Amino acid sequence: MFERAIEADPTNTKNLGAYAIFLTDIQGNHDQARDMFERAIEADPTNTQILGAYAIFLWTIRGDHH
């Protein structure tokens, strides 16, 4: 479902971000999630929701919570 939506509109940051979260939270696919976040940021570098979600993603996967 996500893939079709992204194929139809490859710069839709809402779809890219939602797919990134799905990939990391449900599938544990951090590499592909990072790619989706980066595509979303490239499409709209001022989108604070995507930037915030990406920051949380990086913080979580790096495990540096000190």
PDB file of N, CA and C in Angstrom:
ATOM      1  N   MET A   1       0.820  -1.184   0.000  1.00  0.00           N
ATOM      2  CA  MET A   1       0.000   0.000   0.000  1.00  0.00           C
ATOM      3  C   MET A   1       0.872   1.258   0.000  1.00  0.00           C
ATOM      4  N   PHE A   2       1.848   1.335   0.915  1.00  0.00           N
ATOM      5  CA  PHE A   2       2.734   2.498   0.946  1.00  0.00           C
ATOM      6  C   PHE A   2       3.483   2.647  -0.369  1.00  0.00           C
ATOM      7  N   GLU A   3       3.963   1.531  -0.881  1.00  0.00           N
ATOM      8  CA  GLU A   3       4.759   1.579  -2.106  1.00  0.00           C
ATOM      9  C   GLU A   3       3.960   2.147  -3.273  1.00  0.00           C
ATOM     10  N   ARG A   4       2.701   1.759  -3.374  1.00  0.00           N
ATOM     11  CA  ARG A   4       1.856   2.284  -4.457  1.00  0.00           C
ATOM     12  C   ARG A   4       1.615   3.780  -4.299  1.00  0.00           C
ATOM     13  N   ALA A   5       1.382   4.205  -3.068  1.00  0.00           N
ATOM     14  CA  ALA A   5       1.153   5.629  -2.811  1.00  0.00           C
ATOM     15  C   ALA A   5       2.401   6.446  -3.137  1.00  0.00           C
ATOM     16  N   ILE A   6       3.564   5.924  -2.786  1.00  0.00           N
ATOM     17  CA  ILE A   6       4.816   6.626  -3.069  1.00  0.00           C
ATOM     18  C   ILE A   6       5.112   6.616  -4.559  1.00  0.00           C
ATOM     19  N   GLU A   7       4.790   5.530  -5.208  1.00  0.00           N
ATOM     20  CA  GLU A   7       4.974   5.452  -6.661  1.00  0.00           C
ATOM     21  C   GLU A   7       4.098   6.493  -7.370  1.00  0.00           C
ATOM     22  N   ALA A   8       2.881   6.678  -6.870  1.00  0.00           N
ATOM     23  CA  ALA A   8       1.952   7.640  -7.474  1.00  0.00           C
ATOM     24  C   ALA A   8       2.379   9.085  -7.212  1.00  0.00           C
ATOM     25  N   ASP A   9       2.993   9.332  -6.052  1.00  0.00           N
ATOM     26  CA  ASP A   9       3.430  10.688  -5.694  1.00  0.00           C
ATOM     27  C   ASP A   9       4.732  10.585  -4.903  1.00  0.00           C
ATOM     28  N   PRO A  10       5.860  10.481  -5.593  1.00  0.00           N
ATOM     29  CA  PRO A  10       7.142  10.204  -4.941  1.00  0.00           C
ATOM     30  C   PRO A  10       7.689  11.323  -4.058  1.00  0.00           C
ATOM     31  N   THR A  11       7.056  12.486  -4.052  1.00  0.00           N
ATOM     32  CA  THR A  11       7.530  13.571  -3.190  1.00  0.00           C
ATOM     33  C   THR A  11       6.556  13.900  -2.063  1.00  0.00           C
ATOM     34  N   ASN A  12       5.570  13.052  -1.852  1.00  0.00           N
ATOM     35  CA  ASN A  12       4.597  13.275  -0.786  1.00  0.00           C
ATOM     36  C   ASN A  12       5.256  12.932   0.552  1.00  0.00           C
ATOM     37  N   THR A  13       5.592  13.960   1.314  1.00  0.00           N
ATOM     38  CA  THR A  13       6.328  13.748   2.563  1.00  0.00           C
ATOM     39  C   THR A  13       5.515  12.984   3.605  1.00  0.00           C
ATOM     40  N   LYS A  14       4.212  13.144   3.570  1.00  0.00           N
ATOM     41  CA  LYS A  14       3.365  12.419   4.528  1.00  0.00           C
ATOM     42  C   LYS A  14       3.470  10.907   4.288  1.00  0.00           C
ATOM     43  N   ASN A  15       3.390  10.503   3.029  1.00  0.00           N
ATOM     44  CA  ASN A  15       3.505   9.081   2.697  1.00  0.00           C
ATOM     45  C   ASN A  15       4.909   8.550   2.965  1.00  0.00           C
ATOM     46  N   LEU A  16       5.921   9.317   2.583  1.00  0.00           N
ATOM     47  CA  LEU A  16       7.302   8.886   2.805  1.00  0.00           C
ATOM     48  C   LEU A  16       7.596   8.733   4.295  1.00  0.00           C
ATOM     49  N   GLY A  17       7.153   9.696   5.088  1.00  0.00           N
ATOM     50  CA  GLY A  17       7.371   9.635   6.530  1.00  0.00           C
ATOM     51  C   GLY A  17       6.617   8.494   7.187  1.00  0.00           C
ATOM     52  N   ALA A  18       5.374   8.306   6.789  1.00  0.00           N
ATOM     53  CA  ALA A  18       4.580   7.208   7.353  1.00  0.00           C
ATOM     54  C   ALA A  18       5.200   5.861   7.009  1.00  0.00           C
ATOM     55  N   TYR A  19       5.682   5.736   5.795  1.00  0.00           N
ATOM     56  CA  TYR A  19       6.324   4.483   5.378  1.00  0.00           C
ATOM     57  C   TYR A  19       7.618   4.271   6.150  1.00  0.00           C
ATOM     58  N   ALA A  20       8.372   5.331   6.360  1.00  0.00           N
ATOM     59  CA  ALA A  20       9.611   5.221   7.134  1.00  0.00           C
ATOM     60  C   ALA A  20       9.324   4.718   8.545  1.00  0.00           C
ATOM     61  N   ILE A  21       8.303   5.260   9.169  1.00  0.00           N
ATOM     62  CA  ILE A  21       7.941   4.830  10.522  1.00  0.00           C
ATOM     63  C   ILE A  21       7.478   3.383  10.513  1.00  0.00           C
ATOM     64  N   PHE A  22       6.682   3.003   9.532  1.00  0.00           N
ATOM     65  CA  PHE A  22       6.247   1.611   9.394  1.00  0.00           C
ATOM     66  C   PHE A  22       7.455   0.687   9.243  1.00  0.00           C
ATOM     67  N   LEU A  23       8.381   1.071   8.380  1.00  0.00           N
ATOM     68  CA  LEU A  23       9.552   0.230   8.124  1.00  0.00           C
ATOM     69  C   LEU A  23      10.371  -0.002   9.383  1.00  0.00           C
ATOM     70  N   THR A  24      10.553   1.028  10.175  1.00  0.00           N
ATOM     71  CA  THR A  24      11.376   0.862  11.367  1.00  0.00           C
ATOM     72  C   THR A  24      10.614   0.225  12.524  1.00  0.00           C
ATOM     73  N   ASP A  25       9.380   0.667  12.761  1.00  0.00           N
ATOM     74  CA  ASP A  25       8.630   0.170  13.918  1.00  0.00           C
ATOM     75  C   ASP A  25       8.058  -1.223  13.716  1.00  0.00           C
ATOM     76  N   ILE A  26       7.574  -1.516  12.541  1.00  0.00           N
ATOM     77  CA  ILE A  26       6.903  -2.793  12.290  1.00  0.00           C
ATOM     78  C   ILE A  26       7.853  -3.817  11.687  1.00  0.00           C
ATOM     79  N   GLN A  27       8.653  -3.398  10.719  1.00  0.00           N
ATOM     80  CA  GLN A  27       9.514  -4.350  10.024  1.00  0.00           C
ATOM     81  C   GLN A  27      10.950  -4.359  10.534  1.00  0.00           C
ATOM     82  N   GLY A  28      11.337  -3.366  11.311  1.00  0.00           N
ATOM     83  CA  GLY A  28      12.705  -3.298  11.807  1.00  0.00           C
ATOM     84  C   GLY A  28      13.734  -3.054  10.718  1.00  0.00           C
ATOM     85  N   ASN A  29      13.300  -2.484   9.611  1.00  0.00           N
ATOM     86  CA  ASN A  29      14.182  -2.240   8.470  1.00  0.00           C
ATOM     87  C   ASN A  29      14.697  -0.797   8.547  1.00  0.00           C
ATOM     88  N   HIS A  30      15.748  -0.613   9.345  1.00  0.00           N
ATOM     89  CA  HIS A  30      16.254   0.730   9.593  1.00  0.00           C
ATOM     90  C   HIS A  30      16.922   1.349   8.367  1.00  0.00           C
ATOM     91  N   ASP A  31      17.571   0.541   7.553  1.00  0.00           N
ATOM     92  CA  ASP A  31      18.242   1.082   6.367  1.00  0.00           C
ATOM     93  C   ASP A  31      17.243   1.682   5.385  1.00  0.00           C
ATOM     94  N   GLN A  32      16.184   0.942   5.095  1.00  0.00           N
ATOM     95  CA  GLN A  32      15.182   1.460   4.161  1.00  0.00           C
ATOM     96  C   GLN A  32      14.406   2.620   4.787  1.00  0.00           C
ATOM     97  N   ALA A  33      14.174   2.552   6.097  1.00  0.00           N
ATOM     98  CA  ALA A  33      13.495   3.657   6.780  1.00  0.00           C
ATOM     99  C   ALA A  33      14.319   4.933   6.658  1.00  0.00           C
ATOM    100  N   ARG A  34      15.629   4.820   6.849  1.00  0.00           N
ATOM    101  CA  ARG A  34      16.504   5.984   6.714  1.00  0.00           C
ATOM    102  C   ARG A  34      16.392   6.567   5.296  1.00  0.00           C
ATOM    103  N   ASP A  35      16.366   5.688   4.297  1.00  0.00           N
ATOM    104  CA  ASP A  35      16.221   6.142   2.909  1.00  0.00           C
ATOM    105  C   ASP A  35      14.918   6.917   2.708  1.00  0.00           C
ATOM    106  N   MET A  36      13.826   6.418   3.279  1.00  0.00           N
ATOM    107  CA  MET A  36      12.532   7.095   3.131  1.00  0.00           C
ATOM    108  C   MET A  36      12.540   8.446   3.840  1.00  0.00           C
ATOM    109  N   PHE A  37      13.113   8.494   5.047  1.00  0.00           N
ATOM    110  CA  PHE A  37      13.216   9.777   5.744  1.00  0.00           C
ATOM    111  C   PHE A  37      14.033  10.767   4.929  1.00  0.00           C
ATOM    112  N   GLU A  38      15.139  10.311   4.369  1.00  0.00           N
ATOM    113  CA  GLU A  38      15.992  11.202   3.581  1.00  0.00           C
ATOM    114  C   GLU A  38      15.284  11.689   2.321  1.00  0.00           C
ATOM    115  N   ARG A  39      14.501  10.830   1.697  1.00  0.00           N
ATOM    116  CA  ARG A  39      13.712  11.253   0.530  1.00  0.00           C
ATOM    117  C   ARG A  39      12.686  12.303   0.927  1.00  0.00           C
ATOM    118  N   ALA A  40      12.050  12.097   2.078  1.00  0.00           N
ATOM    119  CA  ALA A  40      11.053  13.058   2.556  1.00  0.00           C
ATOM    120  C   ALA A  40      11.698  14.408   2.847  1.00  0.00           C
ATOM    121  N   ILE A  41      12.862  14.393   3.471  1.00  0.00           N
ATOM    122  CA  ILE A  41      13.560  15.636   3.794  1.00  0.00           C
ATOM    123  C   ILE A  41      14.031  16.327   2.520  1.00  0.00           C
ATOM    124  N   GLU A  42      14.472  15.552   1.559  1.00  0.00           N
ATOM    125  CA  GLU A  42      14.879  16.134   0.275  1.00  0.00           C
ATOM    126  C   GLU A  42      13.688  16.802  -0.419  1.00  0.00           C
ATOM    127  N   ALA A  43      12.518  16.179  -0.315  1.00  0.00           N
ATOM    128  CA  ALA A  43      11.314  16.723  -0.948  1.00  0.00           C
ATOM    129  C   ALA A  43      10.843  18.001  -0.259  1.00  0.00           C
ATOM    130  N   ASP A  44      11.010  18.071   1.070  1.00  0.00           N
ATOM    131  CA  ASP A  44      10.577  19.259   1.816  1.00  0.00           C
ATOM    132  C   ASP A  44      11.472  19.442   3.038  1.00  0.00           C
ATOM    133  N   PRO A  45      12.603  20.107   2.869  1.00  0.00           N
ATOM    134  CA  PRO A  45      13.559  20.260   3.970  1.00  0.00           C
ATOM    135  C   PRO A  45      13.079  21.150   5.114  1.00  0.00           C
ATOM    136  N   THR A  46      11.930  21.796   4.965  1.00  0.00           N
ATOM    137  CA  THR A  46      11.402  22.642   6.038  1.00  0.00           C
ATOM    138  C   THR A  46      10.270  21.972   6.812  1.00  0.00           C
ATOM    139  N   ASN A  47       9.960  20.727   6.484  1.00  0.00           N
ATOM    140  CA  ASN A  47       8.863  20.014   7.139  1.00  0.00           C
ATOM    141  C   ASN A  47       9.312  19.592   8.540  1.00  0.00           C
ATOM    142  N   THR A  48       8.841  20.323   9.541  1.00  0.00           N
ATOM    143  CA  THR A  48       9.288  20.071  10.908  1.00  0.00           C
ATOM    144  C   THR A  48       8.813  18.729  11.451  1.00  0.00           C
ATOM    145  N   GLN A  49       7.687  18.234  10.979  1.00  0.00           N
ATOM    146  CA  GLN A  49       7.220  16.925  11.436  1.00  0.00           C
ATOM    147  C   GLN A  49       8.168  15.825  10.972  1.00  0.00           C
ATOM    148  N   ILE A  50       8.591  15.886   9.729  1.00  0.00           N
ATOM    149  CA  ILE A  50       9.522  14.888   9.200  1.00  0.00           C
ATOM    150  C   ILE A  50      10.879  15.025   9.875  1.00  0.00           C
ATOM    151  N   LEU A  51      11.350  16.256  10.031  1.00  0.00           N
ATOM    152  CA  LEU A  51      12.642  16.474  10.685  1.00  0.00           C
ATOM    153  C   LEU A  51      12.628  15.941  12.116  1.00  0.00           C
ATOM    154  N   GLY A  52      11.541  16.183  12.830  1.00  0.00           N
ATOM    155  CA  GLY A  52      11.422  15.685  14.196  1.00  0.00           C
ATOM    156  C   GLY A  52      11.356  14.173  14.254  1.00  0.00           C
ATOM    157  N   ALA A  53      10.580  13.578  13.359  1.00  0.00           N
ATOM    158  CA  ALA A  53      10.466  12.114  13.320  1.00  0.00           C
ATOM    159  C   ALA A  53      11.809  11.481  12.970  1.00  0.00           C
ATOM    160  N   TYR A  54      12.543  12.115  12.065  1.00  0.00           N
ATOM    161  CA  TYR A  54      13.858  11.595  11.679  1.00  0.00           C
ATOM    162  C   TYR A  54      14.841  11.710  12.842  1.00  0.00           C
ATOM    163  N   ALA A  55      14.782  12.802  13.575  1.00  0.00           N
ATOM    164  CA  ALA A  55      15.649  12.966  14.744  1.00  0.00           C
ATOM    165  C   ALA A  55      15.368  11.882  15.781  1.00  0.00           C
ATOM    166  N   ILE A  56      14.107  11.608  16.043  1.00  0.00           N
ATOM    167  CA  ILE A  56      13.742  10.548  16.995  1.00  0.00           C
ATOM    168  C   ILE A  56      14.208   9.198  16.478  1.00  0.00           C
ATOM    169  N   PHE A  57      14.026   8.947  15.191  1.00  0.00           N
ATOM    170  CA  PHE A  57      14.482   7.705  14.572  1.00  0.00           C
ATOM    171  C   PHE A  57      15.984   7.526  14.787  1.00  0.00           C
ATOM    172  N   LEU A  58      16.759   8.556  14.471  1.00  0.00           N
ATOM    173  CA  LEU A  58      18.216   8.460  14.625  1.00  0.00           C
ATOM    174  C   LEU A  58      18.603   8.249  16.082  1.00  0.00           C
ATOM    175  N   TRP A  59      17.975   8.965  16.975  1.00  0.00           N
ATOM    176  CA  TRP A  59      18.249   8.841  18.405  1.00  0.00           C
ATOM    177  C   TRP A  59      17.955   7.421  18.881  1.00  0.00           C
ATOM    178  N   THR A  60      16.857   6.863  18.404  1.00  0.00           N
ATOM    179  CA  THR A  60      16.444   5.522  18.815  1.00  0.00           C
ATOM    180  C   THR A  60      17.379   4.451  18.276  1.00  0.00           C
ATOM    181  N   ILE A  61      17.703   4.506  16.996  1.00  0.00           N
ATOM    182  CA  ILE A  61      18.520   3.425  16.431  1.00  0.00           C
ATOM    183  C   ILE A  61      19.974   3.509  16.872  1.00  0.00           C
ATOM    184  N   ARG A  62      20.431   4.685  17.220  1.00  0.00           N
ATOM    185  CA  ARG A  62      21.813   4.815  17.695  1.00  0.00           C
ATOM    186  C   ARG A  62      21.950   4.365  19.138  1.00  0.00           C
ATOM    187  N   GLY A  63      20.847   4.404  19.884  1.00  0.00           N
ATOM    188  CA  GLY A  63      20.858   3.925  21.256  1.00  0.00           C
ATOM    189  C   GLY A  63      21.622   4.813  22.224  1.00  0.00           C
ATOM    190  N   ASP A  64      21.960   6.010  21.828  1.00  0.00           N
ATOM    191  CA  ASP A  64      22.698   6.925  22.690  1.00  0.00           C
ATOM    192  C   ASP A  64      21.705   7.826  23.407  1.00  0.00           C
ATOM    193  N   HIS A  65      21.159   7.336  24.489  1.00  0.00           N
ATOM    194  CA  HIS A  65      20.093   8.046  25.190  1.00  0.00           C
ATOM    195  C   HIS A  65      20.591   8.724  26.458  1.00  0.00           C
ATOM    196  N   HIS A  66      21.849   9.077  26.503  1.00  0.00           N
ATOM    197  CA  HIS A  66      22.419   9.710  27.702  1.00  0.00           C
ATOM    198  C   HIS A  66      22.260  11.195  27.643  1.00  0.00           C
TER     199      HIS A  66
END
